[in-house]
Amino acid sequence: MKAVKELDYSPNIMARGLITKTSNTIGVFFGDQKNAGFEHPFLSQLITSIKDTIGVVGYDLLIFSNQKRDTSSFKSICYERGVDGVILILTGQRRNDEKIFNLHNSLPVVYIDSVPNSNYKKVNFVESDNEQAAFDATEHLIRLGNRKILKLAGDRIAKASFDRIAGYKRALLKNNMPIDEKLIQYGEFSKEKSYEIVQSCIRNNLDIDAIFTSSDMMAFGAIEALKDLHLRVPDDIAVVGFDDIEQAKLYKPALTTVHQQSYKMGELASKIVRPSAM
């Protein structure tokens, strides 16, 4: 060790990994090809949780941020960087790319809240009980006397989107209310898209007295659309969100929303991907 100190030696982590078969590094593929996920409060909280959880047991976090990378290179870049496991927090069309599933045969992999509905039975994933949460939120609106509830769903890819629609429908049926497919619109988890949908619905005289969105950001878009149409929230139309991000408490009016344990989800995913280290 004296010679090591005198030579100011620094160990090569990648070389050491060839011997130990571990690099003590967890990789994260985050967001879509524009990495828009970094701007989303819920997703950024997941990253904080993963960093904290793996850091305390001596692991580093490597976020793959190359916006031009094709999904076919996900597997090769993981081998090149020597990561011990991968956490997927994907948005957009990347989730539906079959080439992503090459990772599952090579490394410990887990999705957080982004697993595609078409493949969720084949992979590890961490998510809330989205169906029950959506059922409870819809029941809350029904108890307040609302009968024409617009469901602003996420997209047509995420399992969470399908589950939240299922919970919404189940609450309507339990309360002997008809399911009107015109009241299910896809806002793609986007504030801007939700704004456009709500504006269109009101301008086209779609009869609604409440809106249940699949994210708080979508709820903000819906509320802004209603305000611009001189409608009051919740007096004219009630709005319920999903996620319980920090901004929900500060919003005017304060947003009623479904709480997701984002920190706990990141913590659990970290333990799944490297259980022996946690």
C-alpha atoms as a PDB file:
ATOM      1  CA  MET A   1       0.000   0.000   0.000  1.00  0.00           C
ATOM      2  CA  LYS A   2       2.971   2.304   0.567  1.00  0.00           C
ATOM      3  CA  ALA A   3       3.962   1.928  -3.092  1.00  0.00           C
ATOM      4  CA  VAL A   4       0.364   2.563  -4.117  1.00  0.00           C
ATOM      5  CA  LYS A   5       0.303   5.824  -2.165  1.00  0.00           C
ATOM      6  CA  GLU A   6       3.695   6.950  -3.443  1.00  0.00           C
ATOM      7  CA  LEU A   7       2.671   6.365  -7.048  1.00  0.00           C
ATOM      8  CA  ASP A   8      -0.703   8.084  -6.505  1.00  0.00           C
ATOM      9  CA  TYR A   9      -2.347   4.975  -7.926  1.00  0.00           C
ATOM     10  CA  SER A  10      -6.046   5.109  -8.820  1.00  0.00           C
ATOM     11  CA  PRO A  11      -7.792   1.758  -9.496  1.00  0.00           C
ATOM     12  CA  ASN A  12      -9.405   1.257 -12.899  1.00  0.00           C
ATOM     13  CA  ILE A  13     -13.027   0.486 -12.080  1.00  0.00           C
ATOM     14  CA  MET A  14     -13.741  -1.207 -15.397  1.00  0.00           C
ATOM     15  CA  ALA A  15     -10.669  -3.426 -15.126  1.00  0.00           C
ATOM     16  CA  ARG A  16     -11.534  -4.339 -11.570  1.00  0.00           C
ATOM     17  CA  GLY A  17     -15.047  -5.175 -12.717  1.00  0.00           C
ATOM     18  CA  LEU A  18     -13.661  -7.845 -15.041  1.00  0.00           C
ATOM     19  CA  ILE A  19     -12.300  -9.626 -11.998  1.00  0.00           C
ATOM     20  CA  THR A  20     -15.115  -9.021  -9.515  1.00  0.00           C
ATOM     21  CA  LYS A  21     -17.898  -9.297 -12.139  1.00  0.00           C
ATOM     22  CA  THR A  22     -19.420  -6.120 -10.729  1.00  0.00           C
ATOM     23  CA  SER A  23     -18.934  -2.405 -11.301  1.00  0.00           C
ATOM     24  CA  ASN A  24     -21.150  -1.164  -8.461  1.00  0.00           C
ATOM     25  CA  THR A  25     -23.019   0.943 -11.017  1.00  0.00           C
ATOM     26  CA  ILE A  26     -26.719   1.029 -11.870  1.00  0.00           C
ATOM     27  CA  GLY A  27     -27.761   2.445 -15.243  1.00  0.00           C
ATOM     28  CA  VAL A  28     -30.926   4.421 -15.856  1.00  0.00           C
ATOM     29  CA  PHE A  29     -32.582   5.062 -19.203  1.00  0.00           C
ATOM     30  CA  PHE A  30     -34.724   8.080 -18.536  1.00  0.00           C
ATOM     31  CA  GLY A  31     -37.364   9.939 -20.517  1.00  0.00           C
ATOM     32  CA  ASP A  32     -37.858   9.962 -24.261  1.00  0.00           C
ATOM     33  CA  GLN A  33     -35.390  10.872 -26.997  1.00  0.00           C
ATOM     34  CA  LYS A  34     -35.517  14.485 -25.857  1.00  0.00           C
ATOM     35  CA  ASN A  35     -34.994  13.457 -22.219  1.00  0.00           C
ATOM     36  CA  ALA A  36     -38.070  15.507 -21.388  1.00  0.00           C
ATOM     37  CA  GLY A  37     -38.521  13.454 -18.232  1.00  0.00           C
ATOM     38  CA  PHE A  38     -35.948  15.533 -16.341  1.00  0.00           C
ATOM     39  CA  GLU A  39     -38.430  18.421 -16.349  1.00  0.00           C
ATOM     40  CA  HIS A  40     -41.237  16.345 -14.846  1.00  0.00           C
ATOM     41  CA  PRO A  41     -41.444  16.650 -11.018  1.00  0.00           C
ATOM     42  CA  PHE A  42     -42.687  13.090 -10.494  1.00  0.00           C
ATOM     43  CA  LEU A  43     -39.956  11.530 -12.623  1.00  0.00           C
ATOM     44  CA  SER A  44     -37.195  13.664 -11.139  1.00  0.00           C
ATOM     45  CA  GLN A  45     -38.273  12.492  -7.673  1.00  0.00           C
ATOM     46  CA  LEU A  46     -37.771   8.910  -8.835  1.00  0.00           C
ATOM     47  CA  ILE A  47     -34.184   9.719  -9.831  1.00  0.00           C
ATOM     48  CA  THR A  48     -33.527  11.302  -6.437  1.00  0.00           C
ATOM     49  CA  SER A  49     -34.831   8.194  -4.692  1.00  0.00           C
ATOM     50  CA  ILE A  50     -32.718   5.811  -6.806  1.00  0.00           C
ATOM     51  CA  LYS A  51     -29.597   7.906  -6.240  1.00  0.00           C
ATOM     52  CA  ASP A  52     -30.147   7.946  -2.483  1.00  0.00           C
ATOM     53  CA  THR A  53     -30.944   4.239  -2.225  1.00  0.00           C
ATOM     54  CA  ILE A  54     -28.035   2.878  -4.236  1.00  0.00           C
ATOM     55  CA  GLY A  55     -25.588   5.498  -2.993  1.00  0.00           C
ATOM     56  CA  VAL A  56     -25.909   4.449   0.637  1.00  0.00           C
ATOM     57  CA  VAL A  57     -24.750   0.909  -0.256  1.00  0.00           C
ATOM     58  CA  GLY A  58     -21.800   2.067  -2.355  1.00  0.00           C
ATOM     59  CA  TYR A  59     -23.297   2.094  -5.824  1.00  0.00           C
ATOM     60  CA  ASP A  60     -23.051   4.830  -8.434  1.00  0.00           C
ATOM     61  CA  LEU A  61     -25.839   5.996 -10.731  1.00  0.00           C
ATOM     62  CA  LEU A  62     -25.200   6.280 -14.467  1.00  0.00           C
ATOM     63  CA  ILE A  63     -27.869   8.088 -16.487  1.00  0.00           C
ATOM     64  CA  PHE A  64     -27.762   7.366 -20.204  1.00  0.00           C
ATOM     65  CA  SER A  65     -28.541  10.702 -21.845  1.00  0.00           C
ATOM     66  CA  ASN A  66     -27.553  10.250 -25.507  1.00  0.00           C
ATOM     67  CA  GLN A  67     -30.588  11.618 -27.342  1.00  0.00           C
ATOM     68  CA  LYS A  68     -29.567  10.082 -30.674  1.00  0.00           C
ATOM     69  CA  ARG A  69     -29.123   6.530 -29.451  1.00  0.00           C
ATOM     70  CA  ASP A  70     -31.303   3.931 -31.099  1.00  0.00           C
ATOM     71  CA  THR A  71     -32.951   1.432 -28.782  1.00  0.00           C
ATOM     72  CA  SER A  72     -31.018  -1.369 -30.481  1.00  0.00           C
ATOM     73  CA  SER A  73     -27.880  -0.053 -28.790  1.00  0.00           C
ATOM     74  CA  PHE A  74     -29.302  -0.158 -25.248  1.00  0.00           C
ATOM     75  CA  LYS A  75     -27.878  -3.622 -24.630  1.00  0.00           C
ATOM     76  CA  SER A  76     -24.434  -2.847 -26.090  1.00  0.00           C
ATOM     77  CA  ILE A  77     -24.023   0.419 -24.179  1.00  0.00           C
ATOM     78  CA  CYS A  78     -24.867  -1.361 -20.925  1.00  0.00           C
ATOM     79  CA  TYR A  79     -22.100  -3.879 -21.594  1.00  0.00           C
ATOM     80  CA  GLU A  80     -19.669  -1.158 -22.645  1.00  0.00           C
ATOM     81  CA  ARG A  81     -20.263   0.762 -19.422  1.00  0.00           C
ATOM     82  CA  GLY A  82     -20.351  -2.389 -17.336  1.00  0.00           C
ATOM     83  CA  VAL A  83     -23.498  -1.605 -15.394  1.00  0.00           C
ATOM     84  CA  ASP A  84     -24.759  -4.232 -12.953  1.00  0.00           C
ATOM     85  CA  GLY A  85     -28.430  -3.556 -13.602  1.00  0.00           C
ATOM     86  CA  VAL A  86     -30.794  -1.210 -15.394  1.00  0.00           C
ATOM     87  CA  ILE A  87     -33.812   0.832 -14.346  1.00  0.00           C
ATOM     88  CA  LEU A  88     -36.158   1.994 -17.103  1.00  0.00           C
ATOM     89  CA  ILE A  89     -38.148   5.205 -16.643  1.00  0.00           C
ATOM     90  CA  LEU A  90     -39.181   5.675 -20.242  1.00  0.00           C
ATOM     91  CA  THR A  91     -41.772   7.883 -21.893  1.00  0.00           C
ATOM     92  CA  GLY A  92     -43.062   8.196 -25.441  1.00  0.00           C
ATOM     93  CA  GLN A  93     -42.726   5.532 -28.112  1.00  0.00           C
ATOM     94  CA  ARG A  94     -39.521   4.059 -26.692  1.00  0.00           C
ATOM     95  CA  ARG A  95     -41.552   1.993 -24.247  1.00  0.00           C
ATOM     96  CA  ASN A  96     -43.136   0.036 -27.072  1.00  0.00           C
ATOM     97  CA  ASP A  97     -39.911  -0.832 -28.881  1.00  0.00           C
ATOM     98  CA  GLU A  98     -39.374  -4.600 -28.850  1.00  0.00           C
ATOM     99  CA  LYS A  99     -35.599  -4.083 -28.917  1.00  0.00           C
ATOM    100  CA  ILE A 100     -35.812  -2.800 -25.353  1.00  0.00           C
ATOM    101  CA  PHE A 101     -36.635  -6.340 -24.263  1.00  0.00           C
ATOM    102  CA  ASN A 102     -33.182  -7.575 -25.285  1.00  0.00           C
ATOM    103  CA  LEU A 103     -32.023  -6.071 -22.016  1.00  0.00           C
ATOM    104  CA  HIS A 104     -34.203  -8.406 -19.976  1.00  0.00           C
ATOM    105  CA  ASN A 105     -32.317 -11.476 -21.164  1.00  0.00           C
ATOM    106  CA  SER A 106     -28.950  -9.969 -20.285  1.00  0.00           C
ATOM    107  CA  LEU A 107     -29.172  -7.922 -17.087  1.00  0.00           C
ATOM    108  CA  PRO A 108     -31.367  -7.345 -14.055  1.00  0.00           C
ATOM    109  CA  VAL A 109     -33.926  -4.830 -15.361  1.00  0.00           C
ATOM    110  CA  VAL A 110     -36.925  -3.136 -13.765  1.00  0.00           C
ATOM    111  CA  TYR A 111     -39.426  -0.575 -15.035  1.00  0.00           C
ATOM    112  CA  ILE A 112     -40.820   2.184 -12.863  1.00  0.00           C
ATOM    113  CA  ASP A 113     -44.340   3.352 -13.722  1.00  0.00           C
ATOM    114  CA  SER A 114     -43.622   3.108 -17.437  1.00  0.00           C
ATOM    115  CA  VAL A 115     -44.148  -0.521 -18.360  1.00  0.00           C
ATOM    116  CA  PRO A 116     -46.014  -0.967 -21.668  1.00  0.00           C
ATOM    117  CA  ASN A 117     -49.376  -2.659 -21.342  1.00  0.00           C
ATOM    118  CA  SER A 118     -48.527  -5.163 -24.073  1.00  0.00           C
ATOM    119  CA  ASN A 119     -45.546  -6.667 -22.252  1.00  0.00           C
ATOM    120  CA  TYR A 120     -45.998  -6.170 -18.531  1.00  0.00           C
ATOM    121  CA  LYS A 121     -46.408  -9.898 -17.826  1.00  0.00           C
ATOM    122  CA  LYS A 122     -42.879 -10.576 -19.108  1.00  0.00           C
ATOM    123  CA  VAL A 123     -40.885  -8.034 -17.089  1.00  0.00           C
ATOM    124  CA  ASN A 124     -40.175  -6.669 -13.609  1.00  0.00           C
ATOM    125  CA  PHE A 125     -41.901  -3.397 -12.781  1.00  0.00           C
ATOM    126  CA  VAL A 126     -42.829  -1.136  -9.876  1.00  0.00           C
ATOM    127  CA  GLU A 127     -46.008   0.924  -9.921  1.00  0.00           C
ATOM    128  CA  SER A 128     -48.885   2.114  -7.754  1.00  0.00           C
ATOM    129  CA  ASP A 129     -52.206   0.291  -7.608  1.00  0.00           C
ATOM    130  CA  ASN A 130     -53.432   2.472 -10.446  1.00  0.00           C
ATOM    131  CA  GLU A 131     -56.809   0.836 -10.913  1.00  0.00           C
ATOM    132  CA  GLN A 132     -57.821   1.143  -7.269  1.00  0.00           C
ATOM    133  CA  ALA A 133     -56.489   4.699  -7.056  1.00  0.00           C
ATOM    134  CA  ALA A 134     -58.498   5.716 -10.127  1.00  0.00           C
ATOM    135  CA  PHE A 135     -61.576   3.990  -8.707  1.00  0.00           C
ATOM    136  CA  ASP A 136     -61.226   5.947  -5.451  1.00  0.00           C
ATOM    137  CA  ALA A 137     -60.694   9.264  -7.256  1.00  0.00           C
ATOM    138  CA  THR A 138     -63.744   8.733  -9.463  1.00  0.00           C
ATOM    139  CA  GLU A 139     -65.845   7.689  -6.463  1.00  0.00           C
ATOM    140  CA  HIS A 140     -64.776  10.909  -4.733  1.00  0.00           C
ATOM    141  CA  LEU A 141     -66.091  12.959  -7.648  1.00  0.00           C
ATOM    142  CA  ILE A 142     -69.327  10.945  -7.744  1.00  0.00           C
ATOM    143  CA  ARG A 143     -69.888  11.469  -4.002  1.00  0.00           C
ATOM    144  CA  LEU A 144     -69.625  15.208  -4.651  1.00  0.00           C
ATOM    145  CA  GLY A 145     -72.576  14.889  -7.010  1.00  0.00           C
ATOM    146  CA  ASN A 146     -70.761  14.804 -10.330  1.00  0.00           C
ATOM    147  CA  ARG A 147     -72.289  12.656 -13.067  1.00  0.00           C
ATOM    148  CA  LYS A 148     -70.522  13.704 -16.293  1.00  0.00           C
ATOM    149  CA  ILE A 149     -66.877  13.015 -15.529  1.00  0.00           C
ATOM    150  CA  LEU A 150     -64.336  13.549 -18.299  1.00  0.00           C
ATOM    151  CA  LYS A 151     -61.458  11.056 -17.992  1.00  0.00           C
ATOM    152  CA  LEU A 152     -58.283  12.597 -19.354  1.00  0.00           C
ATOM    153  CA  ALA A 153     -56.250   9.420 -19.756  1.00  0.00           C
ATOM    154  CA  GLY A 154     -52.528   9.145 -20.393  1.00  0.00           C
ATOM    155  CA  ASP A 155     -51.593   7.392 -23.622  1.00  0.00           C
ATOM    156  CA  ARG A 156     -52.331   4.134 -25.418  1.00  0.00           C
ATOM    157  CA  ILE A 157     -49.052   2.482 -24.384  1.00  0.00           C
ATOM    158  CA  ALA A 158     -48.601   2.553 -20.598  1.00  0.00           C
ATOM    159  CA  LYS A 159     -50.179  -0.120 -18.436  1.00  0.00           C
ATOM    160  CA  ALA A 160     -50.913   2.690 -15.960  1.00  0.00           C
ATOM    161  CA  SER A 161     -53.138   4.391 -18.541  1.00  0.00           C
ATOM    162  CA  PHE A 162     -55.236   1.270 -19.073  1.00  0.00           C
ATOM    163  CA  ASP A 163     -55.461   0.576 -15.344  1.00  0.00           C
ATOM    164  CA  ARG A 164     -56.626   4.112 -14.531  1.00  0.00           C
ATOM    165  CA  ILE A 165     -59.304   3.922 -17.196  1.00  0.00           C
ATOM    166  CA  ALA A 166     -60.398   0.551 -15.764  1.00  0.00           C
ATOM    167  CA  GLY A 167     -60.692   2.052 -12.282  1.00  0.00           C
ATOM    168  CA  TYR A 168     -62.698   4.978 -13.641  1.00  0.00           C
ATOM    169  CA  LYS A 169     -65.086   2.647 -15.459  1.00  0.00           C
ATOM    170  CA  ARG A 170     -65.475   0.376 -12.440  1.00  0.00           C
ATOM    171  CA  ALA A 171     -66.511   3.322 -10.269  1.00  0.00           C
ATOM    172  CA  LEU A 172     -69.100   4.419 -12.819  1.00  0.00           C
ATOM    173  CA  LEU A 173     -70.581   0.919 -13.055  1.00  0.00           C
ATOM    174  CA  LYS A 174     -70.667   0.521  -9.282  1.00  0.00           C
ATOM    175  CA  ASN A 175     -72.743   3.694  -9.097  1.00  0.00           C
ATOM    176  CA  ASN A 176     -75.072   2.625 -11.937  1.00  0.00           C
ATOM    177  CA  MET A 177     -73.715   5.288 -14.246  1.00  0.00           C
ATOM    178  CA  PRO A 178     -73.275   4.704 -17.989  1.00  0.00           C
ATOM    179  CA  ILE A 179     -69.842   4.588 -19.608  1.00  0.00           C
ATOM    180  CA  ASP A 180     -69.666   7.198 -22.343  1.00  0.00           C
ATOM    181  CA  GLU A 181     -66.587   6.611 -24.515  1.00  0.00           C
ATOM    182  CA  LYS A 182     -66.730  10.255 -25.634  1.00  0.00           C
ATOM    183  CA  LEU A 183     -65.783  11.138 -22.059  1.00  0.00           C
ATOM    184  CA  ILE A 184     -62.511   9.205 -22.298  1.00  0.00           C
ATOM    185  CA  GLN A 185     -59.857  11.302 -24.025  1.00  0.00           C
ATOM    186  CA  TYR A 186     -56.109  10.717 -24.275  1.00  0.00           C
ATOM    187  CA  GLY A 187     -53.969  13.619 -23.082  1.00  0.00           C
ATOM    188  CA  GLU A 188     -50.651  11.742 -23.409  1.00  0.00           C
ATOM    189  CA  PHE A 189     -49.567  12.877 -19.920  1.00  0.00           C
ATOM    190  CA  SER A 190     -49.125  16.359 -21.427  1.00  0.00           C
ATOM    191  CA  LYS A 191     -50.192  19.666 -19.920  1.00  0.00           C
ATOM    192  CA  GLU A 192     -50.445  21.236 -23.364  1.00  0.00           C
ATOM    193  CA  LYS A 193     -52.438  18.366 -24.864  1.00  0.00           C
ATOM    194  CA  SER A 194     -54.849  18.394 -21.925  1.00  0.00           C
ATOM    195  CA  TYR A 195     -55.387  22.125 -22.363  1.00  0.00           C
ATOM    196  CA  GLU A 196     -56.302  21.573 -26.007  1.00  0.00           C
ATOM    197  CA  ILE A 197     -58.688  18.697 -25.235  1.00  0.00           C
ATOM    198  CA  VAL A 198     -60.581  20.576 -22.526  1.00  0.00           C
ATOM    199  CA  GLN A 199     -60.881  23.669 -24.697  1.00  0.00           C
ATOM    200  CA  SER A 200     -62.250  21.525 -27.531  1.00  0.00           C
ATOM    201  CA  CYS A 201     -64.696  19.666 -25.272  1.00  0.00           C
ATOM    202  CA  ILE A 202     -66.189  22.855 -23.846  1.00  0.00           C
ATOM    203  CA  ARG A 203     -66.332  24.665 -27.188  1.00  0.00           C
ATOM    204  CA  ASN A 204     -68.098  21.638 -28.699  1.00  0.00           C
ATOM    205  CA  ASN A 205     -70.634  21.645 -25.864  1.00  0.00           C
ATOM    206  CA  LEU A 206     -69.623  18.288 -24.397  1.00  0.00           C
ATOM    207  CA  ASP A 207     -71.612  18.086 -21.177  1.00  0.00           C
ATOM    208  CA  ILE A 208     -69.157  17.636 -18.273  1.00  0.00           C
ATOM    209  CA  ASP A 209     -69.219  18.605 -14.609  1.00  0.00           C
ATOM    210  CA  ALA A 210     -65.863  17.130 -13.531  1.00  0.00           C
ATOM    211  CA  ILE A 211     -62.473  16.110 -14.927  1.00  0.00           C
ATOM    212  CA  PHE A 212     -60.237  13.310 -13.671  1.00  0.00           C
ATOM    213  CA  THR A 213     -56.755  13.430 -15.183  1.00  0.00           C
ATOM    214  CA  SER A 214     -53.974  10.840 -15.215  1.00  0.00           C
ATOM    215  CA  SER A 215     -51.323  13.273 -13.953  1.00  0.00           C
ATOM    216  CA  ASP A 216     -51.113  16.557 -12.079  1.00  0.00           C
ATOM    217  CA  MET A 217     -49.469  18.251 -15.048  1.00  0.00           C
ATOM    218  CA  MET A 218     -52.498  17.275 -17.129  1.00  0.00           C
ATOM    219  CA  ALA A 219     -54.742  18.680 -14.401  1.00  0.00           C
ATOM    220  CA  PHE A 220     -52.883  21.999 -14.542  1.00  0.00           C
ATOM    221  CA  GLY A 221     -53.511  22.119 -18.292  1.00  0.00           C
ATOM    222  CA  ALA A 222     -57.188  21.354 -17.778  1.00  0.00           C
ATOM    223  CA  ILE A 223     -57.580  24.044 -15.118  1.00  0.00           C
ATOM    224  CA  GLU A 224     -55.862  26.652 -17.275  1.00  0.00           C
ATOM    225  CA  ALA A 225     -58.182  25.780 -20.163  1.00  0.00           C
ATOM    226  CA  LEU A 226     -61.231  26.185 -17.918  1.00  0.00           C
ATOM    227  CA  LYS A 227     -59.985  29.504 -16.572  1.00  0.00           C
ATOM    228  CA  ASP A 228     -59.432  30.822 -20.089  1.00  0.00           C
ATOM    229  CA  LEU A 229     -63.038  29.877 -20.851  1.00  0.00           C
ATOM    230  CA  HIS A 230     -64.161  31.793 -17.724  1.00  0.00           C
ATOM    231  CA  LEU A 231     -65.203  28.631 -15.888  1.00  0.00           C
ATOM    232  CA  ARG A 232     -64.535  28.313 -12.174  1.00  0.00           C
ATOM    233  CA  VAL A 233     -62.795  25.368 -10.508  1.00  0.00           C
ATOM    234  CA  PRO A 234     -64.333  23.622  -8.621  1.00  0.00           C
ATOM    235  CA  ASP A 235     -67.581  25.646  -8.654  1.00  0.00           C
ATOM    236  CA  ASP A 236     -68.406  25.013 -12.327  1.00  0.00           C
ATOM    237  CA  ILE A 237     -66.234  21.994 -13.036  1.00  0.00           C
ATOM    238  CA  ALA A 238     -64.288  19.957 -10.474  1.00  0.00           C
ATOM    239  CA  VAL A 239     -60.797  18.678 -11.299  1.00  0.00           C
ATOM    240  CA  VAL A 240     -58.839  15.807  -9.725  1.00  0.00           C
ATOM    241  CA  GLY A 241     -55.232  15.017 -10.642  1.00  0.00           C
ATOM    242  CA  PHE A 242     -52.869  12.104 -10.151  1.00  0.00           C
ATOM    243  CA  ASP A 243     -49.307  12.016  -8.668  1.00  0.00           C
ATOM    244  CA  ASP A 244     -49.448  14.602  -5.853  1.00  0.00           C
ATOM    245  CA  ILE A 245     -46.375  16.513  -7.019  1.00  0.00           C
ATOM    246  CA  GLU A 246     -45.182  19.426  -4.893  1.00  0.00           C
ATOM    247  CA  GLN A 247     -46.701  22.030  -7.217  1.00  0.00           C
ATOM    248  CA  ALA A 248     -50.176  20.600  -6.553  1.00  0.00           C
ATOM    249  CA  LYS A 249     -50.151  22.121  -3.065  1.00  0.00           C
ATOM    250  CA  LEU A 250     -49.057  25.519  -4.362  1.00  0.00           C
ATOM    251  CA  TYR A 251     -51.450  25.682  -7.303  1.00  0.00           C
ATOM    252  CA  LYS A 252     -54.388  28.092  -7.230  1.00  0.00           C
ATOM    253  CA  PRO A 253     -56.830  26.631  -6.506  1.00  0.00           C
ATOM    254  CA  ALA A 254     -55.010  23.886  -4.607  1.00  0.00           C
ATOM    255  CA  LEU A 255     -55.348  20.677  -6.587  1.00  0.00           C
ATOM    256  CA  THR A 256     -57.147  17.612  -5.258  1.00  0.00           C
ATOM    257  CA  THR A 257     -54.954  14.740  -6.380  1.00  0.00           C
ATOM    258  CA  VAL A 258     -54.091  11.065  -5.927  1.00  0.00           C
ATOM    259  CA  HIS A 259     -50.872  10.571  -3.994  1.00  0.00           C
ATOM    260  CA  GLN A 260     -48.163   8.386  -5.513  1.00  0.00           C
ATOM    261  CA  GLN A 261     -45.263   7.287  -3.333  1.00  0.00           C
ATOM    262  CA  SER A 262     -42.644   8.223  -5.916  1.00  0.00           C
ATOM    263  CA  TYR A 263     -39.729   8.043  -3.481  1.00  0.00           C
ATOM    264  CA  LYS A 264     -40.808   4.601  -2.285  1.00  0.00           C
ATOM    265  CA  MET A 265     -41.178   3.411  -5.884  1.00  0.00           C
ATOM    266  CA  GLY A 266     -37.608   4.418  -6.726  1.00  0.00           C
ATOM    267  CA  GLU A 267     -36.358   2.779  -3.546  1.00  0.00           C
ATOM    268  CA  LEU A 268     -38.138  -0.503  -4.290  1.00  0.00           C
ATOM    269  CA  ALA A 269     -36.934  -0.584  -7.907  1.00  0.00           C
ATOM    270  CA  SER A 270     -33.356  -0.128  -6.716  1.00  0.00           C
ATOM    271  CA  LYS A 271     -33.698  -3.092  -4.372  1.00  0.00           C
ATOM    272  CA  ILE A 272     -35.183  -5.276  -7.101  1.00  0.00           C
ATOM    273  CA  VAL A 273     -32.412  -4.579  -9.589  1.00  0.00           C
ATOM    274  CA  ARG A 274     -29.608  -5.322  -7.077  1.00  0.00           C
ATOM    275  CA  PRO A 275     -31.202  -7.254  -4.181  1.00  0.00           C
ATOM    276  CA  SER A 276     -27.910  -8.628  -2.839  1.00  0.00           C
ATOM    277  CA  ALA A 277     -26.559  -5.124  -2.265  1.00  0.00           C
ATOM    278  CA  MET A 278     -29.538  -3.678  -0.401  1.00  0.00           C
END
